[in-house]
Amino acid sequence: MIEFKDVGVRRDGRELFAGASFQLHPGHKVGLTGNNGTGKSTLFALLLTQMGTGDTEVTLDKGEVSIPDSWHVAHMAQEVGATTQSAIDYVLSGDEQWYEINAALNDLSSVSDEQIGVLHQQFDEIDGYRTPTKAAQIMAGLGFKTSSMNCP
């Protein structure tokens, strides 16, 4: 479970939020809305920083954040540059472990039979065979039409 207890964050001397407390349990799906400049992106930056994966350093002004070491949080930048990748491929590329193993399985020219077996085992362990279906389900839940998932 991810837990924020009485969290407060300031950026550039301005309080973005204070007293934020919540819990996210496995399987929960959460949406975050708010006006521009109210700290939504900062909250995610804080979450990623606490997990050791953030690009920017965001520090707690007060409170506690606890995140299980085994949890993985997928995220996407607020602004996305132009790409020729299909939308579904772009989403799948966000799962770095899946993407690397899948790429290796698609280019077996320099891989030994033993390594192929290891790759398939790793792919199975991360449920890689179902990952594209799960990504499509998430995209559909966000309002993407099936026909647009294969478009850039």
N, C-alpha and C. Protein backbone atom coordinates (compact mmCIF):
# COMPACT_ATOMS: atom_id res chain seq x y z
N MET A 1 0.85 -1.17 0.00
CA MET A 1 0.00 0.00 0.00
C MET A 1 0.90 1.24 0.00
N ILE A 2 0.51 2.22 -0.80
CA ILE A 2 1.17 3.53 -0.77
C ILE A 2 0.41 4.37 0.24
N GLU A 3 1.15 5.01 1.13
CA GLU A 3 0.49 5.82 2.14
C GLU A 3 1.17 7.18 2.28
N PHE A 4 0.37 8.22 2.23
CA PHE A 4 0.82 9.59 2.52
C PHE A 4 0.16 9.98 3.83
N LYS A 5 0.98 10.46 4.79
CA LYS A 5 0.45 10.89 6.09
C LYS A 5 0.82 12.35 6.31
N ASP A 6 -0.19 13.20 6.32
CA ASP A 6 -0.02 14.62 6.64
C ASP A 6 1.11 15.26 5.83
N VAL A 7 1.16 14.96 4.53
CA VAL A 7 2.24 15.42 3.66
C VAL A 7 2.03 16.87 3.25
N GLY A 8 3.10 17.63 3.31
CA GLY A 8 3.10 19.01 2.83
C GLY A 8 4.28 19.23 1.92
N VAL A 9 4.07 19.98 0.85
CA VAL A 9 5.13 20.26 -0.11
C VAL A 9 5.10 21.73 -0.50
N ARG A 10 6.27 22.33 -0.53
CA ARG A 10 6.43 23.70 -1.03
C ARG A 10 7.34 23.63 -2.25
N ARG A 11 7.09 24.50 -3.17
CA ARG A 11 7.97 24.63 -4.32
C ARG A 11 8.19 26.11 -4.56
N ASP A 12 9.45 26.50 -4.66
CA ASP A 12 9.81 27.92 -4.83
C ASP A 12 9.19 28.79 -3.74
N GLY A 13 9.16 28.26 -2.51
CA GLY A 13 8.64 29.02 -1.38
C GLY A 13 7.13 29.07 -1.28
N ARG A 14 6.43 28.49 -2.24
CA ARG A 14 4.97 28.52 -2.26
C ARG A 14 4.42 27.17 -1.82
N GLU A 15 3.51 27.18 -0.87
CA GLU A 15 2.89 25.94 -0.41
C GLU A 15 1.94 25.43 -1.49
N LEU A 16 2.21 24.20 -1.97
CA LEU A 16 1.34 23.60 -2.98
C LEU A 16 0.24 22.78 -2.33
N PHE A 17 0.60 22.05 -1.29
CA PHE A 17 -0.42 21.35 -0.51
C PHE A 17 0.13 21.04 0.87
N ALA A 18 -0.80 20.87 1.79
CA ALA A 18 -0.44 20.58 3.18
C ALA A 18 -1.50 19.65 3.76
N GLY A 19 -1.07 18.79 4.66
CA GLY A 19 -2.01 17.90 5.33
C GLY A 19 -2.60 16.83 4.43
N ALA A 20 -1.91 16.49 3.34
CA ALA A 20 -2.42 15.47 2.41
C ALA A 20 -2.22 14.09 3.01
N SER A 21 -3.30 13.35 3.14
CA SER A 21 -3.24 11.99 3.67
C SER A 21 -4.12 11.10 2.81
N PHE A 22 -3.57 9.97 2.40
CA PHE A 22 -4.36 8.98 1.65
C PHE A 22 -3.62 7.66 1.63
N GLN A 23 -4.37 6.62 1.26
CA GLN A 23 -3.81 5.28 1.10
C GLN A 23 -4.27 4.74 -0.25
N LEU A 24 -3.34 4.09 -0.96
CA LEU A 24 -3.66 3.41 -2.20
C LEU A 24 -3.35 1.93 -2.01
N HIS A 25 -4.37 1.12 -2.09
CA HIS A 25 -4.21 -0.32 -1.89
C HIS A 25 -4.01 -1.01 -3.24
N PRO A 26 -3.41 -2.19 -3.24
CA PRO A 26 -3.22 -2.92 -4.50
C PRO A 26 -4.54 -3.05 -5.25
N GLY A 27 -4.50 -2.77 -6.54
CA GLY A 27 -5.68 -2.90 -7.38
C GLY A 27 -6.54 -1.65 -7.46
N HIS A 28 -6.32 -0.69 -6.59
CA HIS A 28 -7.10 0.56 -6.64
C HIS A 28 -6.70 1.37 -7.87
N LYS A 29 -7.67 2.01 -8.44
CA LYS A 29 -7.44 2.93 -9.55
C LYS A 29 -7.89 4.31 -9.08
N VAL A 30 -7.05 5.30 -9.28
CA VAL A 30 -7.31 6.63 -8.73
C VAL A 30 -7.10 7.67 -9.81
N GLY A 31 -7.98 8.66 -9.82
CA GLY A 31 -7.81 9.81 -10.70
C GLY A 31 -7.48 11.03 -9.86
N LEU A 32 -6.71 11.94 -10.42
CA LEU A 32 -6.32 13.15 -9.71
C LEU A 32 -6.64 14.35 -10.59
N THR A 33 -7.49 15.21 -10.08
CA THR A 33 -7.88 16.40 -10.85
C THR A 33 -7.61 17.65 -10.02
N GLY A 34 -7.53 18.77 -10.70
CA GLY A 34 -7.33 20.04 -10.00
C GLY A 34 -6.92 21.12 -10.97
N ASN A 35 -7.00 22.34 -10.54
CA ASN A 35 -6.61 23.48 -11.37
C ASN A 35 -5.11 23.46 -11.62
N ASN A 36 -4.69 24.17 -12.66
CA ASN A 36 -3.26 24.32 -12.95
C ASN A 36 -2.55 24.94 -11.75
N GLY A 37 -1.35 24.40 -11.47
CA GLY A 37 -0.53 24.98 -10.42
C GLY A 37 -0.89 24.57 -9.01
N THR A 38 -1.76 23.56 -8.85
CA THR A 38 -2.18 23.17 -7.50
C THR A 38 -1.38 22.00 -6.94
N GLY A 39 -0.42 21.47 -7.72
CA GLY A 39 0.47 20.45 -7.17
C GLY A 39 0.26 19.03 -7.67
N LYS A 40 -0.56 18.82 -8.69
CA LYS A 40 -0.79 17.46 -9.20
C LYS A 40 0.52 16.84 -9.70
N SER A 41 1.21 17.55 -10.56
CA SER A 41 2.48 17.04 -11.10
C SER A 41 3.52 16.91 -10.01
N THR A 42 3.51 17.84 -9.07
CA THR A 42 4.45 17.79 -7.95
C THR A 42 4.19 16.56 -7.09
N LEU A 43 2.93 16.21 -6.89
CA LEU A 43 2.59 15.02 -6.11
C LEU A 43 3.18 13.78 -6.77
N PHE A 44 3.04 13.68 -8.09
CA PHE A 44 3.60 12.52 -8.80
C PHE A 44 5.13 12.57 -8.78
N ALA A 45 5.71 13.75 -8.93
CA ALA A 45 7.17 13.88 -8.85
C ALA A 45 7.66 13.44 -7.47
N LEU A 46 6.93 13.80 -6.42
CA LEU A 46 7.28 13.39 -5.06
C LEU A 46 7.20 11.87 -4.94
N LEU A 47 6.15 11.29 -5.46
CA LEU A 47 5.98 9.83 -5.42
C LEU A 47 7.15 9.15 -6.12
N LEU A 48 7.50 9.61 -7.31
CA LEU A 48 8.61 9.01 -8.06
C LEU A 48 9.94 9.24 -7.37
N THR A 49 10.15 10.41 -6.79
CA THR A 49 11.39 10.69 -6.06
C THR A 49 11.52 9.76 -4.86
N GLN A 50 10.42 9.55 -4.13
CA GLN A 50 10.44 8.66 -2.97
C GLN A 50 10.76 7.23 -3.38
N MET A 51 10.40 6.86 -4.62
CA MET A 51 10.68 5.52 -5.13
C MET A 51 12.07 5.43 -5.75
N GLY A 52 12.76 6.56 -5.84
CA GLY A 52 14.10 6.56 -6.41
C GLY A 52 14.12 6.57 -7.92
N THR A 53 12.99 6.90 -8.57
CA THR A 53 12.94 6.88 -10.03
C THR A 53 12.63 8.24 -10.62
N GLY A 54 12.55 9.25 -9.80
CA GLY A 54 12.18 10.58 -10.29
C GLY A 54 13.33 11.29 -10.98
N ASP A 55 13.00 12.11 -11.98
CA ASP A 55 14.01 12.90 -12.68
C ASP A 55 14.36 14.17 -11.92
N THR A 56 13.41 14.68 -11.15
CA THR A 56 13.65 15.90 -10.39
C THR A 56 13.55 15.59 -8.91
N GLU A 57 14.20 16.37 -8.14
CA GLU A 57 14.19 16.19 -6.69
C GLU A 57 13.05 17.02 -6.10
N VAL A 58 12.11 16.35 -5.52
CA VAL A 58 11.02 17.01 -4.79
C VAL A 58 11.12 16.51 -3.36
N THR A 59 11.14 17.41 -2.42
CA THR A 59 11.30 17.00 -1.03
C THR A 59 10.06 17.33 -0.21
N LEU A 60 9.86 16.52 0.79
CA LEU A 60 8.75 16.73 1.72
C LEU A 60 9.02 17.95 2.58
N ASP A 61 8.02 18.78 2.73
CA ASP A 61 8.09 19.88 3.69
C ASP A 61 7.78 19.33 5.07
N LYS A 62 6.82 18.39 5.11
CA LYS A 62 6.48 17.69 6.35
C LYS A 62 5.69 16.44 5.99
N GLY A 63 5.54 15.56 6.96
CA GLY A 63 4.76 14.34 6.77
C GLY A 63 5.61 13.14 6.40
N GLU A 64 4.92 12.05 6.06
CA GLU A 64 5.57 10.78 5.74
C GLU A 64 4.97 10.18 4.48
N VAL A 65 5.82 9.53 3.69
CA VAL A 65 5.37 8.78 2.52
C VAL A 65 5.95 7.38 2.65
N SER A 66 5.10 6.36 2.54
CA SER A 66 5.61 4.99 2.55
C SER A 66 5.12 4.26 1.31
N ILE A 67 6.07 3.58 0.67
CA ILE A 67 5.81 2.86 -0.57
C ILE A 67 6.53 1.52 -0.48
N PRO A 68 5.84 0.40 -0.70
CA PRO A 68 6.51 -0.90 -0.67
C PRO A 68 7.63 -0.96 -1.72
N ASP A 69 8.77 -1.52 -1.34
CA ASP A 69 9.90 -1.64 -2.26
C ASP A 69 9.54 -2.42 -3.51
N SER A 70 8.62 -3.37 -3.39
CA SER A 70 8.29 -4.24 -4.51
C SER A 70 7.33 -3.60 -5.52
N TRP A 71 6.79 -2.44 -5.19
CA TRP A 71 5.81 -1.81 -6.09
C TRP A 71 6.50 -1.09 -7.23
N HIS A 72 5.84 -1.12 -8.37
CA HIS A 72 6.29 -0.42 -9.57
C HIS A 72 5.18 0.52 -10.00
N VAL A 73 5.50 1.76 -10.23
CA VAL A 73 4.51 2.74 -10.67
C VAL A 73 4.86 3.16 -12.08
N ALA A 74 3.93 2.97 -13.00
CA ALA A 74 4.13 3.43 -14.38
C ALA A 74 3.63 4.86 -14.47
N HIS A 75 4.31 5.65 -15.26
CA HIS A 75 3.90 7.04 -15.41
C HIS A 75 4.24 7.53 -16.80
N MET A 76 3.61 8.60 -17.19
CA MET A 76 3.84 9.19 -18.49
C MET A 76 3.98 10.69 -18.31
N ALA A 77 4.85 11.29 -19.08
CA ALA A 77 5.06 12.73 -18.97
C ALA A 77 3.78 13.48 -19.31
N GLN A 78 3.63 14.63 -18.70
CA GLN A 78 2.45 15.46 -18.93
C GLN A 78 2.39 15.92 -20.39
N GLU A 79 3.52 16.27 -20.95
CA GLU A 79 3.61 16.68 -22.35
C GLU A 79 4.37 15.59 -23.09
N VAL A 80 3.80 15.12 -24.19
CA VAL A 80 4.42 14.05 -24.97
C VAL A 80 4.78 14.61 -26.34
N GLY A 81 6.03 14.45 -26.73
CA GLY A 81 6.47 14.93 -28.04
C GLY A 81 5.92 14.07 -29.16
N ALA A 82 6.03 14.56 -30.37
CA ALA A 82 5.55 13.82 -31.54
C ALA A 82 6.34 12.53 -31.68
N THR A 83 5.68 11.49 -32.13
CA THR A 83 6.32 10.20 -32.32
C THR A 83 5.65 9.48 -33.48
N THR A 84 6.39 8.57 -34.08
CA THR A 84 5.81 7.73 -35.13
C THR A 84 5.32 6.40 -34.56
N GLN A 85 5.61 6.16 -33.29
CA GLN A 85 5.15 4.93 -32.62
C GLN A 85 3.63 4.95 -32.53
N SER A 86 3.04 3.76 -32.63
CA SER A 86 1.60 3.68 -32.39
C SER A 86 1.34 3.97 -30.91
N ALA A 87 0.12 4.36 -30.61
CA ALA A 87 -0.23 4.68 -29.22
C ALA A 87 0.00 3.48 -28.31
N ILE A 88 -0.40 2.29 -28.77
CA ILE A 88 -0.23 1.09 -27.93
C ILE A 88 1.25 0.78 -27.73
N ASP A 89 2.08 0.95 -28.77
CA ASP A 89 3.51 0.72 -28.61
C ASP A 89 4.14 1.74 -27.67
N TYR A 90 3.65 2.97 -27.72
CA TYR A 90 4.15 4.00 -26.81
C TYR A 90 3.84 3.62 -25.37
N VAL A 91 2.62 3.16 -25.13
CA VAL A 91 2.24 2.74 -23.78
C VAL A 91 3.09 1.56 -23.34
N LEU A 92 3.25 0.57 -24.22
CA LEU A 92 4.04 -0.61 -23.87
C LEU A 92 5.50 -0.25 -23.60
N SER A 93 6.03 0.76 -24.28
CA SER A 93 7.43 1.13 -24.06
C SER A 93 7.64 1.71 -22.67
N GLY A 94 6.57 2.09 -22.00
CA GLY A 94 6.67 2.58 -20.63
C GLY A 94 6.98 1.48 -19.63
N ASP A 95 6.72 0.24 -20.01
CA ASP A 95 7.07 -0.91 -19.16
C ASP A 95 8.44 -1.38 -19.62
N GLU A 96 9.49 -0.78 -19.07
CA GLU A 96 10.85 -1.00 -19.56
C GLU A 96 11.26 -2.46 -19.52
N GLN A 97 10.91 -3.17 -18.46
CA GLN A 97 11.30 -4.57 -18.35
C GLN A 97 10.64 -5.38 -19.46
N TRP A 98 9.34 -5.20 -19.66
CA TRP A 98 8.63 -5.91 -20.72
C TRP A 98 9.23 -5.56 -22.08
N TYR A 99 9.47 -4.27 -22.30
CA TYR A 99 9.95 -3.79 -23.59
C TYR A 99 11.32 -4.40 -23.93
N GLU A 100 12.22 -4.44 -22.95
CA GLU A 100 13.56 -4.99 -23.18
C GLU A 100 13.51 -6.49 -23.48
N ILE A 101 12.73 -7.23 -22.70
CA ILE A 101 12.65 -8.67 -22.93
C ILE A 101 11.96 -8.95 -24.26
N ASN A 102 10.89 -8.24 -24.57
CA ASN A 102 10.18 -8.42 -25.82
C ASN A 102 11.09 -8.12 -27.01
N ALA A 103 11.88 -7.04 -26.92
CA ALA A 103 12.82 -6.70 -28.00
C ALA A 103 13.85 -7.80 -28.19
N ALA A 104 14.36 -8.34 -27.09
CA ALA A 104 15.34 -9.43 -27.17
C ALA A 104 14.72 -10.67 -27.81
N LEU A 105 13.47 -10.96 -27.46
CA LEU A 105 12.79 -12.12 -28.05
C LEU A 105 12.50 -11.92 -29.53
N ASN A 106 12.37 -10.69 -29.96
CA ASN A 106 12.11 -10.41 -31.37
C ASN A 106 13.39 -10.34 -32.21
N ASP A 107 14.55 -10.38 -31.56
CA ASP A 107 15.83 -10.38 -32.27
C ASP A 107 16.71 -11.47 -31.67
N LEU A 108 16.46 -12.69 -32.09
CA LEU A 108 17.15 -13.84 -31.51
C LEU A 108 18.40 -14.22 -32.30
N SER A 109 18.84 -13.37 -33.21
CA SER A 109 19.97 -13.71 -34.09
C SER A 109 21.27 -13.94 -33.32
N SER A 110 21.48 -13.26 -32.23
CA SER A 110 22.75 -13.40 -31.49
C SER A 110 22.54 -13.99 -30.10
N VAL A 111 21.48 -14.77 -29.94
CA VAL A 111 21.14 -15.30 -28.63
C VAL A 111 21.21 -16.83 -28.66
N SER A 112 21.83 -17.41 -27.64
CA SER A 112 21.94 -18.87 -27.57
C SER A 112 20.59 -19.48 -27.18
N ASP A 113 20.46 -20.78 -27.43
CA ASP A 113 19.23 -21.48 -27.07
C ASP A 113 18.95 -21.36 -25.57
N GLU A 114 20.00 -21.43 -24.77
CA GLU A 114 19.83 -21.31 -23.32
C GLU A 114 19.31 -19.92 -22.95
N GLN A 115 19.85 -18.89 -23.59
CA GLN A 115 19.40 -17.52 -23.32
C GLN A 115 17.95 -17.32 -23.76
N ILE A 116 17.57 -17.98 -24.86
CA ILE A 116 16.17 -17.89 -25.32
C ILE A 116 15.24 -18.45 -24.25
N GLY A 117 15.63 -19.58 -23.67
CA GLY A 117 14.84 -20.18 -22.59
C GLY A 117 14.72 -19.26 -21.39
N VAL A 118 15.82 -18.61 -21.03
CA VAL A 118 15.82 -17.67 -19.90
C VAL A 118 14.91 -16.48 -20.21
N LEU A 119 14.99 -15.96 -21.43
CA LEU A 119 14.14 -14.83 -21.82
C LEU A 119 12.66 -15.20 -21.73
N HIS A 120 12.31 -16.39 -22.23
CA HIS A 120 10.90 -16.82 -22.15
C HIS A 120 10.45 -16.99 -20.70
N GLN A 121 11.34 -17.50 -19.85
CA GLN A 121 11.01 -17.65 -18.43
C GLN A 121 10.79 -16.28 -17.79
N GLN A 122 11.68 -15.33 -18.07
CA GLN A 122 11.52 -13.97 -17.53
C GLN A 122 10.23 -13.33 -18.03
N PHE A 123 9.93 -13.54 -19.31
CA PHE A 123 8.72 -12.97 -19.90
C PHE A 123 7.49 -13.55 -19.22
N ASP A 124 7.53 -14.84 -18.94
CA ASP A 124 6.41 -15.49 -18.26
C ASP A 124 6.27 -14.97 -16.83
N GLU A 125 7.39 -14.77 -16.14
CA GLU A 125 7.36 -14.30 -14.75
C GLU A 125 6.75 -12.91 -14.61
N ILE A 126 6.91 -12.06 -15.63
CA ILE A 126 6.32 -10.72 -15.57
C ILE A 126 4.96 -10.67 -16.26
N ASP A 127 4.43 -11.85 -16.60
CA ASP A 127 3.13 -11.95 -17.29
C ASP A 127 3.17 -11.20 -18.62
N GLY A 128 4.32 -11.28 -19.29
CA GLY A 128 4.56 -10.54 -20.52
C GLY A 128 3.67 -10.90 -21.68
N TYR A 129 3.16 -12.13 -21.68
CA TYR A 129 2.30 -12.54 -22.79
C TYR A 129 0.95 -11.82 -22.74
N ARG A 130 0.54 -11.40 -21.55
CA ARG A 130 -0.74 -10.69 -21.40
C ARG A 130 -0.58 -9.17 -21.36
N THR A 131 0.64 -8.68 -21.30
CA THR A 131 0.87 -7.25 -21.16
C THR A 131 0.23 -6.41 -22.26
N PRO A 132 0.34 -6.77 -23.55
CA PRO A 132 -0.32 -5.96 -24.58
C PRO A 132 -1.84 -5.89 -24.39
N THR A 133 -2.45 -6.99 -23.97
CA THR A 133 -3.90 -7.00 -23.74
C THR A 133 -4.25 -6.09 -22.57
N LYS A 134 -3.45 -6.16 -21.49
CA LYS A 134 -3.71 -5.29 -20.34
C LYS A 134 -3.53 -3.82 -20.71
N ALA A 135 -2.51 -3.52 -21.52
CA ALA A 135 -2.29 -2.14 -21.94
C ALA A 135 -3.48 -1.64 -22.76
N ALA A 136 -3.99 -2.48 -23.65
CA ALA A 136 -5.15 -2.10 -24.47
C ALA A 136 -6.38 -1.88 -23.60
N GLN A 137 -6.55 -2.70 -22.57
CA GLN A 137 -7.69 -2.53 -21.65
C GLN A 137 -7.58 -1.21 -20.89
N ILE A 138 -6.39 -0.87 -20.46
CA ILE A 138 -6.18 0.40 -19.75
C ILE A 138 -6.49 1.57 -20.69
N MET A 139 -5.99 1.48 -21.91
CA MET A 139 -6.24 2.55 -22.88
C MET A 139 -7.73 2.69 -23.18
N ALA A 140 -8.42 1.55 -23.31
CA ALA A 140 -9.87 1.59 -23.55
C ALA A 140 -10.57 2.25 -22.37
N GLY A 141 -10.11 1.95 -21.16
CA GLY A 141 -10.68 2.56 -19.96
C GLY A 141 -10.46 4.07 -19.91
N LEU A 142 -9.43 4.54 -20.60
CA LEU A 142 -9.14 5.97 -20.66
C LEU A 142 -9.84 6.64 -21.85
N GLY A 143 -10.61 5.85 -22.61
CA GLY A 143 -11.39 6.42 -23.70
C GLY A 143 -10.80 6.24 -25.09
N PHE A 144 -9.68 5.54 -25.21
CA PHE A 144 -9.11 5.28 -26.53
C PHE A 144 -9.98 4.27 -27.26
N LYS A 145 -10.27 4.53 -28.51
CA LYS A 145 -10.97 3.57 -29.35
C LYS A 145 -9.95 2.56 -29.86
N THR A 146 -10.39 1.32 -30.02
CA THR A 146 -9.48 0.27 -30.50
C THR A 146 -8.81 0.69 -31.80
N SER A 147 -9.56 1.32 -32.68
CA SER A 147 -9.01 1.73 -33.98
C SER A 147 -7.90 2.77 -33.85
N SER A 148 -7.91 3.56 -32.80
CA SER A 148 -6.88 4.60 -32.65
C SER A 148 -5.64 4.11 -31.91
N MET A 149 -5.70 2.93 -31.33
CA MET A 149 -4.55 2.43 -30.57
C MET A 149 -3.35 2.13 -31.45
N ASN A 150 -3.59 1.83 -32.72
CA ASN A 150 -2.49 1.51 -33.63
C ASN A 150 -2.04 2.71 -34.44
N CYS A 151 -2.56 3.89 -34.12
CA CYS A 151 -2.16 5.13 -34.79
C CYS A 151 -1.15 5.87 -33.93
N PRO A 152 -0.25 6.64 -34.57
CA PRO A 152 0.70 7.44 -33.78
C PRO A 152 -0.02 8.51 -32.97
